[in-house]
Amino acid sequence: MVREAKVRTTILLVQGILIAGLGITLFSISSTMTSQLFDLGGSIGAVLLISACLVIAGAIDFVGGLTIGKGHRRELHTYLLIGAISILAGVFFWFSDAATVQILAMLAGLHGLLWGIWDLRFASHLKDHPRERKLLLVLGAITIVLGVLLVAGIELSSRSAITLLACYLTYIGAHILLIAAYMIRPWKHAPRTRIPSA
């Protein structure tokens, strides 16, 4: 059980760092988009960078699912499915001429709406943990607001869409790292079992 918790936490830590790093990088890209030439280059760079990160995140899910092993069939299938969707989306956006930062922002917004609703729903089950419940309610509300802004921003300029995506991804990366930190607590302080001496 502790091994599986460590695998899940490691996956969250790596993906949280990857997503937050992507968000920070997108802030840098949007700050350089000061002319039409840089606007085009920044948009193409942002789409390719997001596509690459989707493929990497999918690969992390695949490795994590296989590490957990066949003893946890449902979890294995979930990781493999999410990993496959992420990799396919990354490859599609990498090669598609229709991929724009506005479309990526809209899809991220839909992701944010679902994530925020999940946060609120999960918070409703934490009546015995008021501090965690309040935190999840706040995080869920922020995620939904960012999701609505991203979905509504389909008409934004490329620079504005990238800036909004950067805010969302940095926030989601921090959110994932917060979940990972919370998950570390139970197994980090668990008593170690001693091996009896012969």
Foldseek 3Di string as FASTA:
>chain_A
DLQLLVLVLVLLLVLLCLLLVLLVVLVVLLVQCPDPVSLVVSFLVNLLSQLVSLLVNLVSLQVSLPSVHDVCVVSSVVSNVSSVVSNVVSVCSNPDPPRTLLVVLLVQLVVLLVQLVVLQVVLVVVPVPVVSSVVSPVLSVVSNVLSVCSNVCSVPRRSVSSNSSSVNSSSVSVVSNVVSVVSCVPSVPDDDDDDDDD
